[in-house]
Amino acid sequence: MITRRAMKNDSVVAGGGAIEMELSRYLRDYSRTIAGKEQLLIAAIARALEVIPRQLCDNAGFDATNILNKLRQKHATGGMWYGVDITNEDIADNFQATVWEPAVVKINALTAACEAACLILSVDETIKNPKSDAGGQPGAGRGRGRPMR
């Protein structure tokens, strides 16, 4: 399936968590330029993107903290395509090392993740009880030791 998509769409990105680390760096830098709750949201998305290279390190038995620190440093200095190098337990330019993924796969995965997060947030907003925000007594409902009237 991925091979078919790579043949149909000729744009690829480096694998091994490289694109996730680059997006994380970009979002962290952008979040520092804005204020308010939006800054926290964007920083949380940036932190969530680092789960992919962290999981790659954990699955390979590497020290994830050490590898992620190296990746953050490399991406901060312009190493856009650097990702986890499984064979050498280090980081490498995965674009040059021919560790590629079709860009359309990454786009679809990020779109699906954002849609899922929005769905969860909208369900949370729907379930929120407006009476609980009115400032009434906590625990004043039936089922907390209060008899039926």
C-alpha atoms as a PDB file:
ATOM      1  CA  MET A   1       0.000   0.000   0.000  1.00  0.00           C
ATOM      2  CA  ILE A   2       2.755   2.438   0.935  1.00  0.00           C
ATOM      3  CA  THR A   3       4.791   1.413  -2.117  1.00  0.00           C
ATOM      4  CA  ARG A   4       1.776   2.045  -4.360  1.00  0.00           C
ATOM      5  CA  ARG A   5       1.278   5.490  -2.835  1.00  0.00           C
ATOM      6  CA  ALA A   6       4.973   6.275  -3.279  1.00  0.00           C
ATOM      7  CA  MET A   7       4.720   5.339  -6.948  1.00  0.00           C
ATOM      8  CA  LYS A   8       1.579   7.458  -7.513  1.00  0.00           C
ATOM      9  CA  ASN A   9       2.800  10.487  -5.534  1.00  0.00           C
ATOM     10  CA  ASP A  10       6.426  11.293  -6.129  1.00  0.00           C
ATOM     11  CA  SER A  11       6.961  13.455  -3.026  1.00  0.00           C
ATOM     12  CA  VAL A  12       8.705  11.806  -0.105  1.00  0.00           C
ATOM     13  CA  VAL A  13       9.952  12.908   3.306  1.00  0.00           C
ATOM     14  CA  ALA A  14      12.635  11.440   5.518  1.00  0.00           C
ATOM     15  CA  GLY A  15      11.482   8.719   7.879  1.00  0.00           C
ATOM     16  CA  GLY A  16      12.737   7.715  11.279  1.00  0.00           C
ATOM     17  CA  GLY A  17      10.887  10.529  13.034  1.00  0.00           C
ATOM     18  CA  ALA A  18      12.722  13.253  11.100  1.00  0.00           C
ATOM     19  CA  ILE A  19       9.635  15.039   9.792  1.00  0.00           C
ATOM     20  CA  GLU A  20       7.937  14.842  13.206  1.00  0.00           C
ATOM     21  CA  MET A  21      10.954  16.406  14.904  1.00  0.00           C
ATOM     22  CA  GLU A  22      11.094  19.169  12.298  1.00  0.00           C
ATOM     23  CA  LEU A  23       7.390  19.906  12.686  1.00  0.00           C
ATOM     24  CA  SER A  24       7.825  19.874  16.461  1.00  0.00           C
ATOM     25  CA  ARG A  25      10.679  22.381  16.239  1.00  0.00           C
ATOM     26  CA  TYR A  26       8.685  24.641  13.953  1.00  0.00           C
ATOM     27  CA  LEU A  27       5.598  24.538  16.192  1.00  0.00           C
ATOM     28  CA  ARG A  28       7.647  25.178  19.352  1.00  0.00           C
ATOM     29  CA  ASP A  29       9.264  28.222  17.741  1.00  0.00           C
ATOM     30  CA  TYR A  30       5.884  29.462  16.523  1.00  0.00           C
ATOM     31  CA  SER A  31       4.244  28.945  19.923  1.00  0.00           C
ATOM     32  CA  ARG A  32       6.793  31.294  21.498  1.00  0.00           C
ATOM     33  CA  THR A  33       5.591  34.130  19.270  1.00  0.00           C
ATOM     34  CA  ILE A  34       1.967  34.082  20.449  1.00  0.00           C
ATOM     35  CA  ALA A  35       0.360  34.515  23.856  1.00  0.00           C
ATOM     36  CA  GLY A  36      -2.542  32.949  25.675  1.00  0.00           C
ATOM     37  CA  LYS A  37      -4.068  29.519  25.585  1.00  0.00           C
ATOM     38  CA  GLU A  38      -3.171  29.091  21.925  1.00  0.00           C
ATOM     39  CA  GLN A  39       0.495  29.011  22.921  1.00  0.00           C
ATOM     40  CA  LEU A  40      -0.155  26.090  25.274  1.00  0.00           C
ATOM     41  CA  LEU A  41      -2.158  24.212  22.659  1.00  0.00           C
ATOM     42  CA  ILE A  42       0.488  24.573  19.962  1.00  0.00           C
ATOM     43  CA  ALA A  43       3.260  23.593  22.389  1.00  0.00           C
ATOM     44  CA  ALA A  44       1.259  20.491  23.377  1.00  0.00           C
ATOM     45  CA  ILE A  45       0.930  19.469  19.732  1.00  0.00           C
ATOM     46  CA  ALA A  46       4.675  19.970  19.287  1.00  0.00           C
ATOM     47  CA  ARG A  47       5.347  17.773  22.310  1.00  0.00           C
ATOM     48  CA  ALA A  48       2.927  15.125  21.003  1.00  0.00           C
ATOM     49  CA  LEU A  49       4.763  14.935  17.679  1.00  0.00           C
ATOM     50  CA  GLU A  50       7.918  13.845  19.511  1.00  0.00           C
ATOM     51  CA  VAL A  51       6.180  10.623  20.540  1.00  0.00           C
ATOM     52  CA  ILE A  52       7.032   9.042  17.161  1.00  0.00           C
ATOM     53  CA  PRO A  53      10.852   9.244  17.426  1.00  0.00           C
ATOM     54  CA  ARG A  54      10.626   8.432  21.156  1.00  0.00           C
ATOM     55  CA  GLN A  55       8.662   5.269  20.379  1.00  0.00           C
ATOM     56  CA  LEU A  56      11.134   4.310  17.658  1.00  0.00           C
ATOM     57  CA  CYS A  57      13.936   4.586  20.232  1.00  0.00           C
ATOM     58  CA  ASP A  58      12.006   2.606  22.837  1.00  0.00           C
ATOM     59  CA  ASN A  59      11.174  -0.153  20.337  1.00  0.00           C
ATOM     60  CA  ALA A  60      14.837  -0.426  19.364  1.00  0.00           C
ATOM     61  CA  GLY A  61      16.005  -0.458  22.995  1.00  0.00           C
ATOM     62  CA  PHE A  62      17.811   2.891  22.804  1.00  0.00           C
ATOM     63  CA  ASP A  63      18.017   5.651  25.392  1.00  0.00           C
ATOM     64  CA  ALA A  64      15.194   7.812  24.046  1.00  0.00           C
ATOM     65  CA  THR A  65      16.131  10.902  26.068  1.00  0.00           C
ATOM     66  CA  ASN A  66      19.675  10.959  24.697  1.00  0.00           C
ATOM     67  CA  ILE A  67      18.582  10.428  21.086  1.00  0.00           C
ATOM     68  CA  LEU A  68      15.814  13.048  21.315  1.00  0.00           C
ATOM     69  CA  ASN A  69      18.225  15.599  22.760  1.00  0.00           C
ATOM     70  CA  LYS A  70      20.589  14.979  19.841  1.00  0.00           C
ATOM     71  CA  LEU A  71      17.697  15.309  17.397  1.00  0.00           C
ATOM     72  CA  ARG A  72      16.494  18.568  18.965  1.00  0.00           C
ATOM     73  CA  GLN A  73      20.016  19.978  18.781  1.00  0.00           C
ATOM     74  CA  LYS A  74      20.478  18.911  15.163  1.00  0.00           C
ATOM     75  CA  HIS A  75      17.096  20.278  14.081  1.00  0.00           C
ATOM     76  CA  ALA A  76      17.794  23.568  15.874  1.00  0.00           C
ATOM     77  CA  THR A  77      20.950  23.980  13.783  1.00  0.00           C
ATOM     78  CA  GLY A  78      19.223  23.267  10.474  1.00  0.00           C
ATOM     79  CA  GLY A  79      19.426  19.471  10.159  1.00  0.00           C
ATOM     80  CA  MET A  80      15.951  19.151   8.705  1.00  0.00           C
ATOM     81  CA  TRP A  81      16.081  15.483   7.693  1.00  0.00           C
ATOM     82  CA  TYR A  82      17.822  14.037  10.751  1.00  0.00           C
ATOM     83  CA  GLY A  83      16.002  11.168  12.411  1.00  0.00           C
ATOM     84  CA  VAL A  84      16.616   8.031  14.443  1.00  0.00           C
ATOM     85  CA  ASP A  85      19.272   5.708  13.013  1.00  0.00           C
ATOM     86  CA  ILE A  86      18.283   2.232  14.156  1.00  0.00           C
ATOM     87  CA  THR A  87      21.374   0.467  12.829  1.00  0.00           C
ATOM     88  CA  ASN A  88      23.950   2.638  14.631  1.00  0.00           C
ATOM     89  CA  GLU A  89      21.977   3.667  17.737  1.00  0.00           C
ATOM     90  CA  ASP A  90      22.408   7.328  16.856  1.00  0.00           C
ATOM     91  CA  ILE A  91      20.911   9.965  14.582  1.00  0.00           C
ATOM     92  CA  ALA A  92      21.482  10.285  10.845  1.00  0.00           C
ATOM     93  CA  ASP A  93      20.372  12.255   7.808  1.00  0.00           C
ATOM     94  CA  ASN A  94      17.610   9.853   6.849  1.00  0.00           C
ATOM     95  CA  PHE A  95      16.925  11.525   3.534  1.00  0.00           C
ATOM     96  CA  GLN A  96      20.497  10.846   2.452  1.00  0.00           C
ATOM     97  CA  ALA A  97      20.347   7.361   4.015  1.00  0.00           C
ATOM     98  CA  THR A  98      17.266   6.636   1.839  1.00  0.00           C
ATOM     99  CA  VAL A  99      14.898   6.143   4.777  1.00  0.00           C
ATOM    100  CA  TRP A 100      11.891   7.674   3.051  1.00  0.00           C
ATOM    101  CA  GLU A 101       8.161   7.811   3.564  1.00  0.00           C
ATOM    102  CA  PRO A 102       5.578   9.105   1.099  1.00  0.00           C
ATOM    103  CA  ALA A 103       4.520  12.631   2.018  1.00  0.00           C
ATOM    104  CA  VAL A 104       0.865  11.755   1.418  1.00  0.00           C
ATOM    105  CA  VAL A 105       1.027   9.125   4.183  1.00  0.00           C
ATOM    106  CA  LYS A 106       2.351  11.697   6.655  1.00  0.00           C
ATOM    107  CA  ILE A 107      -0.238  14.256   5.585  1.00  0.00           C
ATOM    108  CA  ASN A 108      -3.056  11.744   6.041  1.00  0.00           C
ATOM    109  CA  ALA A 109      -1.749  10.633   9.438  1.00  0.00           C
ATOM    110  CA  LEU A 110      -1.435  14.206  10.741  1.00  0.00           C
ATOM    111  CA  THR A 111      -4.865  15.128   9.379  1.00  0.00           C
ATOM    112  CA  ALA A 112      -6.466  12.093  11.021  1.00  0.00           C
ATOM    113  CA  ALA A 113      -4.751  12.853  14.343  1.00  0.00           C
ATOM    114  CA  CYS A 114      -5.957  16.469  14.309  1.00  0.00           C
ATOM    115  CA  GLU A 115      -9.489  15.396  13.409  1.00  0.00           C
ATOM    116  CA  ALA A 116      -9.488  12.857  16.243  1.00  0.00           C
ATOM    117  CA  ALA A 117      -8.320  15.485  18.737  1.00  0.00           C
ATOM    118  CA  CYS A 118     -11.039  17.898  17.571  1.00  0.00           C
ATOM    119  CA  LEU A 119     -13.661  15.160  17.865  1.00  0.00           C
ATOM    120  CA  ILE A 120     -12.594  14.357  21.423  1.00  0.00           C
ATOM    121  CA  LEU A 121     -12.689  18.035  22.352  1.00  0.00           C
ATOM    122  CA  SER A 122     -16.134  18.502  20.807  1.00  0.00           C
ATOM    123  CA  VAL A 123     -17.501  15.463  22.670  1.00  0.00           C
ATOM    124  CA  ASP A 124     -16.013  16.820  25.885  1.00  0.00           C
ATOM    125  CA  GLU A 125     -17.762  20.143  25.285  1.00  0.00           C
ATOM    126  CA  THR A 126     -21.057  18.378  24.535  1.00  0.00           C
ATOM    127  CA  ILE A 127     -20.954  16.265  27.699  1.00  0.00           C
ATOM    128  CA  LYS A 128     -20.115  19.203  29.966  1.00  0.00           C
ATOM    129  CA  ASN A 129     -23.037  19.793  32.335  1.00  0.00           C
ATOM    130  CA  PRO A 130     -24.157  23.444  32.407  1.00  0.00           C
ATOM    131  CA  LYS A 131     -25.611  23.031  35.927  1.00  0.00           C
ATOM    132  CA  SER A 132     -22.195  22.119  37.298  1.00  0.00           C
ATOM    133  CA  ASP A 133     -20.852  25.490  36.156  1.00  0.00           C
ATOM    134  CA  ALA A 134     -23.591  27.373  38.034  1.00  0.00           C
ATOM    135  CA  GLY A 135     -21.638  27.221  41.294  1.00  0.00           C
ATOM    136  CA  GLY A 136     -24.046  24.986  43.210  1.00  0.00           C
ATOM    137  CA  GLN A 137     -23.087  22.798  46.120  1.00  0.00           C
ATOM    138  CA  PRO A 138     -20.715  20.026  45.125  1.00  0.00           C
ATOM    139  CA  GLY A 139     -22.236  16.603  45.573  1.00  0.00           C
ATOM    140  CA  ALA A 140     -25.792  17.877  46.073  1.00  0.00           C
ATOM    141  CA  GLY A 141     -27.273  15.378  43.628  1.00  0.00           C
ATOM    142  CA  ARG A 142     -29.024  12.105  44.348  1.00  0.00           C
ATOM    143  CA  GLY A 143     -26.745   9.093  44.684  1.00  0.00           C
ATOM    144  CA  ARG A 144     -24.373  10.670  47.164  1.00  0.00           C
ATOM    145  CA  GLY A 145     -26.154   9.502  50.283  1.00  0.00           C
ATOM    146  CA  ARG A 146     -29.132  11.810  49.839  1.00  0.00           C
ATOM    147  CA  PRO A 147     -32.554  10.147  50.096  1.00  0.00           C
ATOM    148  CA  MET A 148     -35.197  10.410  47.344  1.00  0.00           C
ATOM    149  CA  ARG A 149     -37.847  13.088  48.001  1.00  0.00           C
END
